[in-house]
PDB file of N, CA and C in Angstrom:
ATOM      1  N   MET A   1     149.436  94.976  88.499  1.00  0.00           N
ATOM      2  CA  MET A   1     149.254  94.763  90.307  1.00  0.00           C
ATOM      3  C   MET A   1     148.053  93.918  90.234  1.00  0.00           C
ATOM      4  N   LYS A   2     147.780  93.355  91.287  1.00  0.00           N
ATOM      5  CA  LYS A   2     146.828  92.500  91.304  1.00  0.00           C
ATOM      6  C   LYS A   2     145.909  93.318  92.096  1.00  0.00           C
ATOM      7  N   PRO A   3     144.332  93.094  92.097  1.00  0.00           N
ATOM      8  CA  PRO A   3     143.899  93.634  93.014  1.00  0.00           C
ATOM      9  C   PRO A   3     143.564  92.762  94.371  1.00  0.00           C
ATOM     10  N   LYS A   4     143.390  93.880  95.192  1.00  0.00           N
ATOM     11  CA  LYS A   4     143.673  93.183  97.068  1.00  0.00           C
ATOM     12  C   LYS A   4     142.169  92.341  96.863  1.00  0.00           C
ATOM     13  N   ARG A   5     142.465  91.440  97.751  1.00  0.00           N
ATOM     14  CA  ARG A   5     141.188  90.219  97.835  1.00  0.00           C
ATOM     15  C   ARG A   5     140.704  90.616  98.920  1.00  0.00           C
ATOM     16  N   ASP A   6     139.446  89.931  99.113  1.00  0.00           N
ATOM     17  CA  ASP A   6     138.588  90.113 100.409  1.00  0.00           C
ATOM     18  C   ASP A   6     139.059  89.156 101.081  1.00  0.00           C
ATOM     19  N   VAL A   7     139.725  89.100 102.400  1.00  0.00           N
ATOM     20  CA  VAL A   7     139.764  88.147 103.324  1.00  0.00           C
ATOM     21  C   VAL A   7     138.652  87.129 103.792  1.00  0.00           C
ATOM     22  N   SER A   8     137.504  87.740 103.708  1.00  0.00           N
ATOM     23  CA  SER A   8     136.261  86.856 103.984  1.00  0.00           C
ATOM     24  C   SER A   8     135.736  85.938 102.861  1.00  0.00           C
ATOM     25  N   ALA A   9     136.111  86.360 101.603  1.00  0.00           N
ATOM     26  CA  ALA A   9     136.282  85.462 100.617  1.00  0.00           C
ATOM     27  C   ALA A   9     137.139  84.351 100.494  1.00  0.00           C
ATOM     28  N   ALA A  10     137.989  84.334 101.087  1.00  0.00           N
ATOM     29  CA  ALA A  10     139.041  83.678 100.984  1.00  0.00           C
ATOM     30  C   ALA A  10     139.215  82.242 101.495  1.00  0.00           C
ATOM     31  N   SER A  11     138.290  81.946 102.027  1.00  0.00           N
ATOM     32  CA  SER A  11     137.799  80.491 102.701  1.00  0.00           C
ATOM     33  C   SER A  11     136.641  79.853 101.588  1.00  0.00           C
ATOM     34  N   ASP A  12     136.046  80.935 101.308  1.00  0.00           N
ATOM     35  CA  ASP A  12     135.125  80.325 100.185  1.00  0.00           C
ATOM     36  C   ASP A  12     136.088  79.771  98.943  1.00  0.00           C
ATOM     37  N   GLU A  13     137.333  81.000  98.680  1.00  0.00           N
ATOM     38  CA  GLU A  13     137.585  80.512  97.436  1.00  0.00           C
ATOM     39  C   GLU A  13     138.276  79.439  97.848  1.00  0.00           C
ATOM     40  N   ARG A  14     139.139  79.408  98.689  1.00  0.00           N
ATOM     41  CA  ARG A  14     139.750  77.906  99.143  1.00  0.00           C
ATOM     42  C   ARG A  14     139.018  76.661  98.918  1.00  0.00           C
ATOM     43  N   GLN A  15     137.887  76.641  99.534  1.00  0.00           N
ATOM     44  CA  GLN A  15     136.535  75.547  99.408  1.00  0.00           C
ATOM     45  C   GLN A  15     136.612  75.344  97.940  1.00  0.00           C
ATOM     46  N   GLU A  16     136.632  76.098  97.008  1.00  0.00           N
ATOM     47  CA  GLU A  16     136.527  76.133  95.720  1.00  0.00           C
ATOM     48  C   GLU A  16     137.438  75.460  95.316  1.00  0.00           C
ATOM     49  N   ILE A  17     138.126  75.693  95.478  1.00  0.00           N
ATOM     50  CA  ILE A  17     139.506  75.341  95.073  1.00  0.00           C
ATOM     51  C   ILE A  17     139.693  73.689  95.272  1.00  0.00           C
ATOM     52  N   GLU A  18     139.736  73.831  96.413  1.00  0.00           N
ATOM     53  CA  GLU A  18     139.708  71.996  97.331  1.00  0.00           C
ATOM     54  C   GLU A  18     138.498  71.217  96.646  1.00  0.00           C
ATOM     55  N   ALA A  19     137.294  71.569  96.037  1.00  0.00           N
ATOM     56  CA  ALA A  19     136.488  70.692  95.295  1.00  0.00           C
ATOM     57  C   ALA A  19     136.762  70.438  93.861  1.00  0.00           C
ATOM     58  N   VAL A  20     137.320  71.975  93.247  1.00  0.00           N
ATOM     59  CA  VAL A  20     137.779  71.100  91.801  1.00  0.00           C
ATOM     60  C   VAL A  20     139.567  70.483  91.710  1.00  0.00           C
ATOM     61  N   LEU A  21     140.315  70.569  93.072  1.00  0.00           N
ATOM     62  CA  LEU A  21     141.169  69.711  92.755  1.00  0.00           C
ATOM     63  C   LEU A  21     140.761  67.941  93.085  1.00  0.00           C
ATOM     64  N   ALA A  22     139.622  68.353  94.296  1.00  0.00           N
ATOM     65  CA  ALA A  22     138.893  66.670  94.539  1.00  0.00           C
ATOM     66  C   ALA A  22     138.420  66.158  93.141  1.00  0.00           C
ATOM     67  N   TYR A  23     137.699  66.755  92.406  1.00  0.00           N
ATOM     68  CA  TYR A  23     136.876  66.659  91.114  1.00  0.00           C
ATOM     69  C   TYR A  23     138.197  65.502  90.255  1.00  0.00           C
ATOM     70  N   HIS A  24     139.268  66.329  90.291  1.00  0.00           N
ATOM     71  CA  HIS A  24     140.585  65.986  89.479  1.00  0.00           C
ATOM     72  C   HIS A  24     141.401  65.211  90.329  1.00  0.00           C
ATOM     73  N   ASP A  25     140.995  64.307  91.438  1.00  0.00           N
ATOM     74  CA  ASP A  25     141.715  63.427  91.828  1.00  0.00           C
ATOM     75  C   ASP A  25     143.001  64.019  92.445  1.00  0.00           C
ATOM     76  N   ALA A  26     143.077  65.490  92.672  1.00  0.00           N
ATOM     77  CA  ALA A  26     144.161  66.481  93.103  1.00  0.00           C
ATOM     78  C   ALA A  26     145.416  66.168  92.421  1.00  0.00           C
ATOM     79  N   ASP A  27     145.163  66.027  90.807  1.00  0.00           N
ATOM     80  CA  ASP A  27     145.789  66.254  89.557  1.00  0.00           C
ATOM     81  C   ASP A  27     145.665  67.683  89.144  1.00  0.00           C
ATOM     82  N   ALA A  28     146.949  68.543  89.942  1.00  0.00           N
ATOM     83  CA  ALA A  28     146.315  69.950  89.333  1.00  0.00           C
ATOM     84  C   ALA A  28     146.571  70.218  87.686  1.00  0.00           C
ATOM     85  N   TRP A  29     147.341  69.578  87.221  1.00  0.00           N
ATOM     86  CA  TRP A  29     147.697  69.764  85.744  1.00  0.00           C
ATOM     87  C   TRP A  29     145.743  69.870  85.066  1.00  0.00           C
ATOM     88  N   ALA A  30     145.452  68.426  85.349  1.00  0.00           N
ATOM     89  CA  ALA A  30     144.246  68.271  85.100  1.00  0.00           C
ATOM     90  C   ALA A  30     143.127  69.131  85.218  1.00  0.00           C
ATOM     91  N   ALA A  31     143.223  69.954  86.740  1.00  0.00           N
ATOM     92  CA  ALA A  31     142.173  71.335  87.030  1.00  0.00           C
ATOM     93  C   ALA A  31     142.540  72.398  85.883  1.00  0.00           C
ATOM     94  N   ILE A  32     144.044  72.591  86.253  1.00  0.00           N
ATOM     95  CA  ILE A  32     144.146  73.704  85.667  1.00  0.00           C
ATOM     96  C   ILE A  32     143.791  73.534  83.812  1.00  0.00           C
ATOM     97  N   GLY A  33     144.024  72.621  83.191  1.00  0.00           N
ATOM     98  CA  GLY A  33     143.549  72.365  81.996  1.00  0.00           C
ATOM     99  C   GLY A  33     142.230  72.427  81.606  1.00  0.00           C
ATOM    100  N   THR A  34     141.269  71.939  82.711  1.00  0.00           N
ATOM    101  CA  THR A  34     139.783  72.139  82.627  1.00  0.00           C
ATOM    102  C   THR A  34     139.320  73.442  82.800  1.00  0.00           C
ATOM    103  N   LEU A  35     139.916  74.097  83.851  1.00  0.00           N
ATOM    104  CA  LEU A  35     139.644  75.604  83.708  1.00  0.00           C
ATOM    105  C   LEU A  35     140.154  76.558  83.005  1.00  0.00           C
ATOM    106  N   LEU A  36     141.286  76.383  82.011  1.00  0.00           N
ATOM    107  CA  LEU A  36     141.527  76.899  80.453  1.00  0.00           C
ATOM    108  C   LEU A  36     140.289  76.539  79.619  1.00  0.00           C
ATOM    109  N   ASP A  37     139.835  75.381  79.769  1.00  0.00           N
ATOM    110  CA  ASP A  37     138.991  74.868  78.480  1.00  0.00           C
ATOM    111  C   ASP A  37     137.814  75.894  78.746  1.00  0.00           C
ATOM    112  N   ASP A  38     137.376  75.817  80.210  1.00  0.00           N
ATOM    113  CA  ASP A  38     136.323  76.720  80.459  1.00  0.00           C
ATOM    114  C   ASP A  38     136.576  78.187  79.907  1.00  0.00           C
ATOM    115  N   ILE A  39     137.588  79.089  80.289  1.00  0.00           N
ATOM    116  CA  ILE A  39     138.077  79.792  80.001  1.00  0.00           C
ATOM    117  C   ILE A  39     137.909  80.340  78.351  1.00  0.00           C
ATOM    118  N   ARG A  40     138.259  79.260  77.721  1.00  0.00           N
ATOM    119  CA  ARG A  40     138.249  79.343  76.033  1.00  0.00           C
ATOM    120  C   ARG A  40     136.602  79.520  75.623  1.00  0.00           C
ATOM    121  N   HIS A  41     135.870  78.599  76.265  1.00  0.00           N
ATOM    122  CA  HIS A  41     134.540  78.164  76.154  1.00  0.00           C
ATOM    123  C   HIS A  41     133.697  79.792  76.471  1.00  0.00           C
ATOM    124  N   LEU A  42     134.322  80.313  77.377  1.00  0.00           N
ATOM    125  CA  LEU A  42     133.184  81.465  77.745  1.00  0.00           C
ATOM    126  C   LEU A  42     133.581  82.911  77.259  1.00  0.00           C
ATOM    127  N   ARG A  43     135.136  82.640  76.823  1.00  0.00           N
ATOM    128  CA  ARG A  43     135.551  84.052  75.664  1.00  0.00           C
ATOM    129  C   ARG A  43     134.872  83.645  74.268  1.00  0.00           C
ATOM    130  N   ARG A  44     134.816  82.559  73.790  1.00  0.00           N
ATOM    131  CA  ARG A  44     133.856  82.356  72.493  1.00  0.00           C
ATOM    132  C   ARG A  44     132.432  82.705  72.963  1.00  0.00           C
ATOM    133  N   GLN A  45     131.828  82.407  73.920  1.00  0.00           N
ATOM    134  CA  GLN A  45     130.510  82.861  74.000  1.00  0.00           C
ATOM    135  C   GLN A  45     130.183  84.169  74.311  1.00  0.00           C
ATOM    136  N   LEU A  46     131.130  84.759  74.995  1.00  0.00           N
ATOM    137  CA  LEU A  46     131.099  86.347  75.133  1.00  0.00           C
ATOM    138  C   LEU A  46     131.397  86.745  73.623  1.00  0.00           C
ATOM    139  N   ALA A  47     132.082  86.439  72.524  1.00  0.00           N
ATOM    140  CA  ALA A  47     132.341  86.899  71.149  1.00  0.00           C
ATOM    141  C   ALA A  47     131.329  86.606  70.558  1.00  0.00           C
ATOM    142  N   LEU A  48     130.167  85.576  70.830  1.00  0.00           N
ATOM    143  CA  LEU A  48     129.037  85.672  69.822  1.00  0.00           C
ATOM    144  C   LEU A  48     128.239  86.499  70.287  1.00  0.00           C
ATOM    145  N   ALA A  49     127.804  86.868  71.903  1.00  0.00           N
ATOM    146  CA  ALA A  49     126.993  87.761  72.417  1.00  0.00           C
ATOM    147  C   ALA A  49     127.359  88.991  72.193  1.00  0.00           C
ATOM    148  N   GLU A  50     128.461  89.603  72.064  1.00  0.00           N
ATOM    149  CA  GLU A  50     128.762  90.634  71.444  1.00  0.00           C
ATOM    150  C   GLU A  50     128.778  91.049  70.015  1.00  0.00           C
ATOM    151  N   GLY A  51     128.587  89.906  69.403  1.00  0.00           N
ATOM    152  CA  GLY A  51     128.195  89.835  67.537  1.00  0.00           C
ATOM    153  C   GLY A  51     126.446  90.009  67.532  1.00  0.00           C
ATOM    154  N   ALA A  52     125.833  89.612  68.481  1.00  0.00           N
ATOM    155  CA  ALA A  52     124.176  89.580  68.369  1.00  0.00           C
ATOM    156  C   ALA A  52     123.950  90.762  69.283  1.00  0.00           C
ATOM    157  N   MET A  53     124.319  91.652  69.944  1.00  0.00           N
ATOM    158  CA  MET A  53     123.745  92.253  70.656  1.00  0.00           C
ATOM    159  C   MET A  53     123.741  93.809  69.961  1.00  0.00           C
ATOM    160  N   SER A  54     122.897  94.851  69.644  1.00  0.00           N
ATOM    161  CA  SER A  54     123.114  96.070  69.083  1.00  0.00           C
ATOM    162  C   SER A  54     123.981  96.910  70.444  1.00  0.00           C
ATOM    163  N   ARG A  55     124.693  98.274  69.591  1.00  0.00           N
ATOM    164  CA  ARG A  55     124.987  99.144  70.418  1.00  0.00           C
ATOM    165  C   ARG A  55     124.007  99.600  71.861  1.00  0.00           C
ATOM    166  N   GLY A  56     122.510  99.882  70.948  1.00  0.00           N
ATOM    167  CA  GLY A  56     121.753 100.556  71.634  1.00  0.00           C
ATOM    168  C   GLY A  56     121.316  99.374  72.959  1.00  0.00           C
ATOM    169  N   MET A  57     121.139  98.544  72.505  1.00  0.00           N
ATOM    170  CA  MET A  57     120.924  97.235  74.032  1.00  0.00           C
ATOM    171  C   MET A  57     121.850  97.391  74.858  1.00  0.00           C
ATOM    172  N   THR A  58     122.884  97.587  74.653  1.00  0.00           N
ATOM    173  CA  THR A  58     123.989  97.730  75.521  1.00  0.00           C
ATOM    174  C   THR A  58     124.527  99.380  76.004  1.00  0.00           C
ATOM    175  N   ARG A  59     123.875 100.468  75.186  1.00  0.00           N
ATOM    176  CA  ARG A  59     123.843 101.669  75.903  1.00  0.00           C
ATOM    177  C   ARG A  59     125.628 102.218  75.733  1.00  0.00           C
ATOM    178  N   GLY A  60     125.814 101.221  74.537  1.00  0.00           N
ATOM    179  CA  GLY A  60     127.748 101.518  74.248  1.00  0.00           C
ATOM    180  C   GLY A  60     128.726 100.864  75.219  1.00  0.00           C
ATOM    181  N   TRP A  61     128.371 100.090  75.865  1.00  0.00           N
ATOM    182  CA  TRP A  61     128.934  99.082  77.073  1.00  0.00           C
ATOM    183  C   TRP A  61     129.327  98.076  75.486  1.00  0.00           C
ATOM    184  N   ARG A  62     130.926  97.930  75.786  1.00  0.00           N
ATOM    185  CA  ARG A  62     131.488  96.532  74.984  1.00  0.00           C
ATOM    186  C   ARG A  62     132.066  95.686  76.342  1.00  0.00           C
ATOM    187  N   PRO A  63     131.997  94.033  75.581  1.00  0.00           N
ATOM    188  CA  PRO A  63     132.823  93.575  76.570  1.00  0.00           C
ATOM    189  C   PRO A  63     133.994  93.582  76.683  1.00  0.00           C
ATOM    190  N   ASP A  64     134.737  93.219  77.644  1.00  0.00           N
ATOM    191  CA  ASP A  64     136.425  93.419  77.668  1.00  0.00           C
ATOM    192  C   ASP A  64     136.824  91.897  77.907  1.00  0.00           C
ATOM    193  N   TYR A  65     137.705  91.574  77.283  1.00  0.00           N
ATOM    194  CA  TYR A  65     138.090  90.088  77.352  1.00  0.00           C
ATOM    195  C   TYR A  65     139.043  89.789  78.199  1.00  0.00           C
ATOM    196  N   ASP A  66     139.508  90.756  78.782  1.00  0.00           N
ATOM    197  CA  ASP A  66     140.717  90.662  79.798  1.00  0.00           C
ATOM    198  C   ASP A  66     140.363  91.547  81.095  1.00  0.00           C
ATOM    199  N   ARG A  67     140.854  90.959  82.541  1.00  0.00           N
ATOM    200  CA  ARG A  67     140.323  91.369  83.647  1.00  0.00           C
ATOM    201  C   ARG A  67     140.809  92.357  83.687  1.00  0.00           C
ATOM    202  N   ARG A  68     140.581  93.622  84.620  1.00  0.00           N
ATOM    203  CA  ARG A  68     141.220  94.876  84.811  1.00  0.00           C
ATOM    204  C   ARG A  68     141.312  95.231  86.374  1.00  0.00           C
TER     205      ARG A  68
END
């Protein structure tokens, strides 16, 4: 089930989407590819951070790789 979206944030989100598409000259495939590359990079960074930090530093918190 998808979380409900804030209507006021919708216009900001639409502007972000338009900016991404404009950067890629309206090529949706290129935009999606770039965003997927960004996701992979951020997941790697999260895995590195998880390995470098102690459990005491985060008081038991563990990163979650999937959106809930």
